[in-house]
Amino acid sequence: MKQVFRARRATPAQQGLTLIGQMMVLLVAGALGAVALSSWLDVQVRERATEAYNQLEAIKPAAEKLGREQRGQPWPASLAMATLGEAPAGSHFVPGSWQASAQDRLLTVSVQLQDTGRHLDGQRLLLKGWLEEDGDVRWVCASDVDPRWHKQLPAPCQYKPSRSPEPKSE
């Protein structure tokens, strides 16, 4: 005796997703999309800020050369951007916003950011150089960005603006 197995057909209630199931799938997909978009925007902002920081670092060689020439003496009080050479042209800097100032052994070069996005537009990026006794220059990046948004800055700049390097021990 042979038994014939028949394929059991699904009833209409068992076919496909229900309306509630479809809504849940759309809800989960929307939440994942929102998180992914936010992360992608943060990466874009950090990339632009890092590009601006790299252009800001272009003045380091001229400042270090001047520091060696000073042979441990304080920075010249008349130090300006013209002393350090031409400010790099950057698409993420407000034109004409470059400033350099020197006080004793501290050199501060600052620039105002633009077109970086979100919370960094209009904020200042600072590169501070401490002139050591031997003529070496120790650099620290800082900013006037609200600490809540420091994660959008390049890694070397993700510190509080008041941070300064420890003096060399002898």
C-alpha atoms as a PDB file:
ATOM      1  CA  MET A   1       0.000   0.000   0.000  1.00  0.00           C
ATOM      2  CA  LYS A   2       1.367   3.244  -1.050  1.00  0.00           C
ATOM      3  CA  GLN A   3       0.598   6.405   0.719  1.00  0.00           C
ATOM      4  CA  VAL A   4       0.763   9.549  -1.250  1.00  0.00           C
ATOM      5  CA  PHE A   5       1.944  12.584   0.633  1.00  0.00           C
ATOM      6  CA  ARG A   6       0.368  15.702  -0.531  1.00  0.00           C
ATOM      7  CA  ALA A   7       1.975  19.065  -0.078  1.00  0.00           C
ATOM      8  CA  ARG A   8       0.042  20.925   2.480  1.00  0.00           C
ATOM      9  CA  ARG A   9      -1.013  24.341   1.279  1.00  0.00           C
ATOM     10  CA  ALA A  10      -0.702  27.279   3.609  1.00  0.00           C
ATOM     11  CA  THR A  11      -3.879  28.970   4.558  1.00  0.00           C
ATOM     12  CA  PRO A  12      -4.158  32.668   3.684  1.00  0.00           C
ATOM     13  CA  ALA A  13      -3.406  33.604   7.326  1.00  0.00           C
ATOM     14  CA  GLN A  14      -0.032  31.815   7.099  1.00  0.00           C
ATOM     15  CA  GLN A  15       1.208  33.431   3.889  1.00  0.00           C
ATOM     16  CA  GLY A  16       3.851  36.207   4.139  1.00  0.00           C
ATOM     17  CA  LEU A  17       4.265  38.804   6.862  1.00  0.00           C
ATOM     18  CA  THR A  18       1.414  40.380   8.665  1.00  0.00           C
ATOM     19  CA  LEU A  19       0.966  44.134   8.679  1.00  0.00           C
ATOM     20  CA  ILE A  20       2.436  44.323  12.179  1.00  0.00           C
ATOM     21  CA  GLY A  21       5.422  42.224  11.072  1.00  0.00           C
ATOM     22  CA  GLN A  22       6.031  44.514   8.113  1.00  0.00           C
ATOM     23  CA  MET A  23       5.841  47.577  10.363  1.00  0.00           C
ATOM     24  CA  MET A  24       8.387  46.049  12.754  1.00  0.00           C
ATOM     25  CA  VAL A  25      10.795  45.315   9.892  1.00  0.00           C
ATOM     26  CA  LEU A  26      10.485  48.911   8.664  1.00  0.00           C
ATOM     27  CA  LEU A  27      10.990  50.247  12.192  1.00  0.00           C
ATOM     28  CA  VAL A  28      14.199  48.240  12.707  1.00  0.00           C
ATOM     29  CA  ALA A  29      15.510  49.180   9.242  1.00  0.00           C
ATOM     30  CA  GLY A  30      14.776  52.864   9.908  1.00  0.00           C
ATOM     31  CA  ALA A  31      16.571  52.810  13.269  1.00  0.00           C
ATOM     32  CA  LEU A  32      19.637  51.127  11.770  1.00  0.00           C
ATOM     33  CA  GLY A  33      19.644  53.623   8.898  1.00  0.00           C
ATOM     34  CA  ALA A  34      19.480  56.591  11.295  1.00  0.00           C
ATOM     35  CA  VAL A  35      22.425  55.282  13.337  1.00  0.00           C
ATOM     36  CA  ALA A  36      24.461  54.587  10.197  1.00  0.00           C
ATOM     37  CA  LEU A  37      23.752  58.050   8.761  1.00  0.00           C
ATOM     38  CA  SER A  38      24.736  59.791  11.989  1.00  0.00           C
ATOM     39  CA  SER A  39      27.998  57.842  12.171  1.00  0.00           C
ATOM     40  CA  TRP A  40      28.781  58.581   8.539  1.00  0.00           C
ATOM     41  CA  LEU A  41      28.217  62.325   9.086  1.00  0.00           C
ATOM     42  CA  ASP A  42      30.534  62.252  12.132  1.00  0.00           C
ATOM     43  CA  VAL A  43      33.237  60.564  10.040  1.00  0.00           C
ATOM     44  CA  GLN A  44      32.879  63.247   7.349  1.00  0.00           C
ATOM     45  CA  VAL A  45      33.217  66.063   9.908  1.00  0.00           C
ATOM     46  CA  ARG A  46      36.255  64.409  11.536  1.00  0.00           C
ATOM     47  CA  GLU A  47      37.861  63.926   8.105  1.00  0.00           C
ATOM     48  CA  ARG A  48      37.467  67.626   7.232  1.00  0.00           C
ATOM     49  CA  ALA A  49      38.785  68.709  10.639  1.00  0.00           C
ATOM     50  CA  THR A  50      41.782  66.385  10.252  1.00  0.00           C
ATOM     51  CA  GLU A  51      42.514  67.884   6.831  1.00  0.00           C
ATOM     52  CA  ALA A  52      42.451  71.353   8.392  1.00  0.00           C
ATOM     53  CA  TYR A  53      44.759  70.191  11.205  1.00  0.00           C
ATOM     54  CA  ASN A  54      47.234  68.740   8.703  1.00  0.00           C
ATOM     55  CA  GLN A  55      47.345  72.085   6.900  1.00  0.00           C
ATOM     56  CA  LEU A  56      47.851  73.845  10.238  1.00  0.00           C
ATOM     57  CA  GLU A  57      50.839  71.591  10.943  1.00  0.00           C
ATOM     58  CA  ALA A  58      52.524  72.929   7.798  1.00  0.00           C
ATOM     59  CA  ILE A  59      53.955  75.838   9.843  1.00  0.00           C
ATOM     60  CA  LYS A  60      55.805  73.496  12.230  1.00  0.00           C
ATOM     61  CA  PRO A  61      59.063  73.241  10.240  1.00  0.00           C
ATOM     62  CA  ALA A  62      59.457  77.036  10.025  1.00  0.00           C
ATOM     63  CA  ALA A  63      58.691  77.437  13.740  1.00  0.00           C
ATOM     64  CA  GLU A  64      61.124  74.664  14.694  1.00  0.00           C
ATOM     65  CA  LYS A  65      63.841  76.272  12.574  1.00  0.00           C
ATOM     66  CA  LEU A  66      63.205  79.598  14.300  1.00  0.00           C
ATOM     67  CA  GLY A  67      63.279  77.810  17.684  1.00  0.00           C
ATOM     68  CA  ARG A  68      66.726  76.352  16.922  1.00  0.00           C
ATOM     69  CA  GLU A  69      67.938  79.806  15.899  1.00  0.00           C
ATOM     70  CA  GLN A  70      66.686  81.198  19.213  1.00  0.00           C
ATOM     71  CA  ARG A  71      68.961  78.716  21.054  1.00  0.00           C
ATOM     72  CA  GLY A  72      66.777  78.569  24.112  1.00  0.00           C
ATOM     73  CA  GLN A  73      65.864  82.252  24.181  1.00  0.00           C
ATOM     74  CA  PRO A  74      62.148  83.146  24.307  1.00  0.00           C
ATOM     75  CA  TRP A  75      60.205  83.585  21.088  1.00  0.00           C
ATOM     76  CA  PRO A  76      60.531  87.070  19.562  1.00  0.00           C
ATOM     77  CA  ALA A  77      57.693  89.270  20.822  1.00  0.00           C
ATOM     78  CA  SER A  78      57.108  90.538  17.282  1.00  0.00           C
ATOM     79  CA  LEU A  79      56.471  87.038  15.954  1.00  0.00           C
ATOM     80  CA  ALA A  80      53.663  86.978  13.393  1.00  0.00           C
ATOM     81  CA  MET A  81      52.473  84.667  10.628  1.00  0.00           C
ATOM     82  CA  ALA A  82      54.778  86.478   8.194  1.00  0.00           C
ATOM     83  CA  THR A  83      57.744  85.366  10.322  1.00  0.00           C
ATOM     84  CA  LEU A  84      56.660  81.726   9.971  1.00  0.00           C
ATOM     85  CA  GLY A  85      56.077  81.941   6.247  1.00  0.00           C
ATOM     86  CA  GLU A  86      52.934  81.974   4.196  1.00  0.00           C
ATOM     87  CA  ALA A  87      49.862  80.493   5.841  1.00  0.00           C
ATOM     88  CA  PRO A  88      48.694  77.378   4.017  1.00  0.00           C
ATOM     89  CA  ALA A  89      45.672  77.882   1.820  1.00  0.00           C
ATOM     90  CA  GLY A  90      42.930  75.638   3.090  1.00  0.00           C
ATOM     91  CA  SER A  91      39.356  75.188   2.011  1.00  0.00           C
ATOM     92  CA  HIS A  92      38.346  74.549   5.622  1.00  0.00           C
ATOM     93  CA  PHE A  93      39.796  77.811   7.018  1.00  0.00           C
ATOM     94  CA  VAL A  94      38.148  81.204   7.115  1.00  0.00           C
ATOM     95  CA  PRO A  95      40.312  83.377   4.802  1.00  0.00           C
ATOM     96  CA  GLY A  96      42.505  85.748   6.781  1.00  0.00           C
ATOM     97  CA  SER A  97      41.783  84.065  10.106  1.00  0.00           C
ATOM     98  CA  TRP A  98      45.363  82.870  10.661  1.00  0.00           C
ATOM     99  CA  GLN A  99      47.013  84.371  13.733  1.00  0.00           C
ATOM    100  CA  ALA A 100      50.333  83.755  15.434  1.00  0.00           C
ATOM    101  CA  SER A 101      51.334  85.181  18.776  1.00  0.00           C
ATOM    102  CA  ALA A 102      54.275  84.603  21.067  1.00  0.00           C
ATOM    103  CA  GLN A 103      54.610  85.083  24.798  1.00  0.00           C
ATOM    104  CA  ASP A 104      57.902  84.161  26.400  1.00  0.00           C
ATOM    105  CA  ARG A 105      58.366  80.491  25.400  1.00  0.00           C
ATOM    106  CA  LEU A 106      54.826  79.859  24.148  1.00  0.00           C
ATOM    107  CA  LEU A 107      53.944  80.195  20.468  1.00  0.00           C
ATOM    108  CA  THR A 108      50.255  79.985  19.566  1.00  0.00           C
ATOM    109  CA  VAL A 109      49.057  79.646  15.983  1.00  0.00           C
ATOM    110  CA  SER A 110      45.293  79.690  15.544  1.00  0.00           C
ATOM    111  CA  VAL A 111      42.881  79.487  12.669  1.00  0.00           C
ATOM    112  CA  GLN A 112      39.102  79.598  12.382  1.00  0.00           C
ATOM    113  CA  LEU A 113      37.408  76.567  10.811  1.00  0.00           C
ATOM    114  CA  GLN A 114      34.716  76.712   8.142  1.00  0.00           C
ATOM    115  CA  ASP A 115      32.889  74.136   6.014  1.00  0.00           C
ATOM    116  CA  THR A 116      33.746  71.359   8.438  1.00  0.00           C
ATOM    117  CA  GLY A 117      30.140  70.805   9.363  1.00  0.00           C
ATOM    118  CA  ARG A 118      28.052  70.493  12.429  1.00  0.00           C
ATOM    119  CA  HIS A 119      29.501  71.997  15.593  1.00  0.00           C
ATOM    120  CA  LEU A 120      33.013  72.868  14.375  1.00  0.00           C
ATOM    121  CA  ASP A 121      32.173  75.690  11.955  1.00  0.00           C
ATOM    122  CA  GLY A 122      33.373  79.017  13.307  1.00  0.00           C
ATOM    123  CA  GLN A 123      35.485  77.385  16.044  1.00  0.00           C
ATOM    124  CA  ARG A 124      39.232  77.948  16.399  1.00  0.00           C
ATOM    125  CA  LEU A 125      41.902  75.291  16.102  1.00  0.00           C
ATOM    126  CA  LEU A 126      45.077  76.115  18.042  1.00  0.00           C
ATOM    127  CA  LEU A 127      48.575  74.764  17.657  1.00  0.00           C
ATOM    128  CA  LYS A 128      50.743  75.625  20.661  1.00  0.00           C
ATOM    129  CA  GLY A 129      54.514  75.254  20.661  1.00  0.00           C
ATOM    130  CA  TRP A 130      56.629  75.376  23.821  1.00  0.00           C
ATOM    131  CA  LEU A 131      60.232  76.349  23.241  1.00  0.00           C
ATOM    132  CA  GLU A 132      62.536  74.217  25.368  1.00  0.00           C
ATOM    133  CA  GLU A 133      65.910  75.349  26.700  1.00  0.00           C
ATOM    134  CA  ASP A 134      67.745  73.314  24.041  1.00  0.00           C
ATOM    135  CA  GLY A 135      65.774  74.926  21.171  1.00  0.00           C
ATOM    136  CA  ASP A 136      63.396  72.001  20.633  1.00  0.00           C
ATOM    137  CA  VAL A 137      59.733  72.806  20.235  1.00  0.00           C
ATOM    138  CA  ARG A 138      57.055  70.648  21.855  1.00  0.00           C
ATOM    139  CA  TRP A 139      53.647  70.875  20.184  1.00  0.00           C
ATOM    140  CA  VAL A 140      50.125  70.528  21.513  1.00  0.00           C
ATOM    141  CA  CYS A 141      46.901  70.937  19.577  1.00  0.00           C
ATOM    142  CA  ALA A 142      43.928  72.535  21.290  1.00  0.00           C
ATOM    143  CA  SER A 143      40.662  74.157  20.312  1.00  0.00           C
ATOM    144  CA  ASP A 144      37.851  76.287  21.637  1.00  0.00           C
ATOM    145  CA  VAL A 145      35.335  73.624  20.650  1.00  0.00           C
ATOM    146  CA  ASP A 146      32.783  72.647  23.288  1.00  0.00           C
ATOM    147  CA  PRO A 147      34.075  69.467  25.044  1.00  0.00           C
ATOM    148  CA  ARG A 148      30.911  67.622  23.969  1.00  0.00           C
ATOM    149  CA  TRP A 149      32.131  67.814  20.355  1.00  0.00           C
ATOM    150  CA  HIS A 150      35.817  66.977  20.878  1.00  0.00           C
ATOM    151  CA  LYS A 151      35.244  63.544  19.345  1.00  0.00           C
ATOM    152  CA  GLN A 152      34.839  65.316  15.981  1.00  0.00           C
ATOM    153  CA  LEU A 153      38.343  66.804  16.215  1.00  0.00           C
ATOM    154  CA  PRO A 154      41.501  65.055  14.974  1.00  0.00           C
ATOM    155  CA  ALA A 155      42.988  62.707  17.584  1.00  0.00           C
ATOM    156  CA  PRO A 156      45.835  65.058  18.649  1.00  0.00           C
ATOM    157  CA  CYS A 157      43.304  67.832  19.337  1.00  0.00           C
ATOM    158  CA  GLN A 158      40.822  65.890  21.439  1.00  0.00           C
ATOM    159  CA  TYR A 159      42.058  67.383  24.694  1.00  0.00           C
ATOM    160  CA  LYS A 160      40.819  70.248  26.797  1.00  0.00           C
ATOM    161  CA  PRO A 161      42.082  73.671  25.621  1.00  0.00           C
ATOM    162  CA  SER A 162      43.955  74.204  28.902  1.00  0.00           C
ATOM    163  CA  ARG A 163      46.108  71.097  28.455  1.00  0.00           C
ATOM    164  CA  SER A 164      49.836  71.827  28.305  1.00  0.00           C
ATOM    165  CA  PRO A 165      52.799  69.468  28.033  1.00  0.00           C
ATOM    166  CA  GLU A 166      54.818  68.494  31.054  1.00  0.00           C
ATOM    167  CA  PRO A 167      58.229  70.167  31.233  1.00  0.00           C
ATOM    168  CA  LYS A 168      61.175  67.931  30.376  1.00  0.00           C
ATOM    169  CA  SER A 169      62.832  66.428  33.402  1.00  0.00           C
ATOM    170  CA  GLU A 170      66.580  66.626  33.539  1.00  0.00           C
END
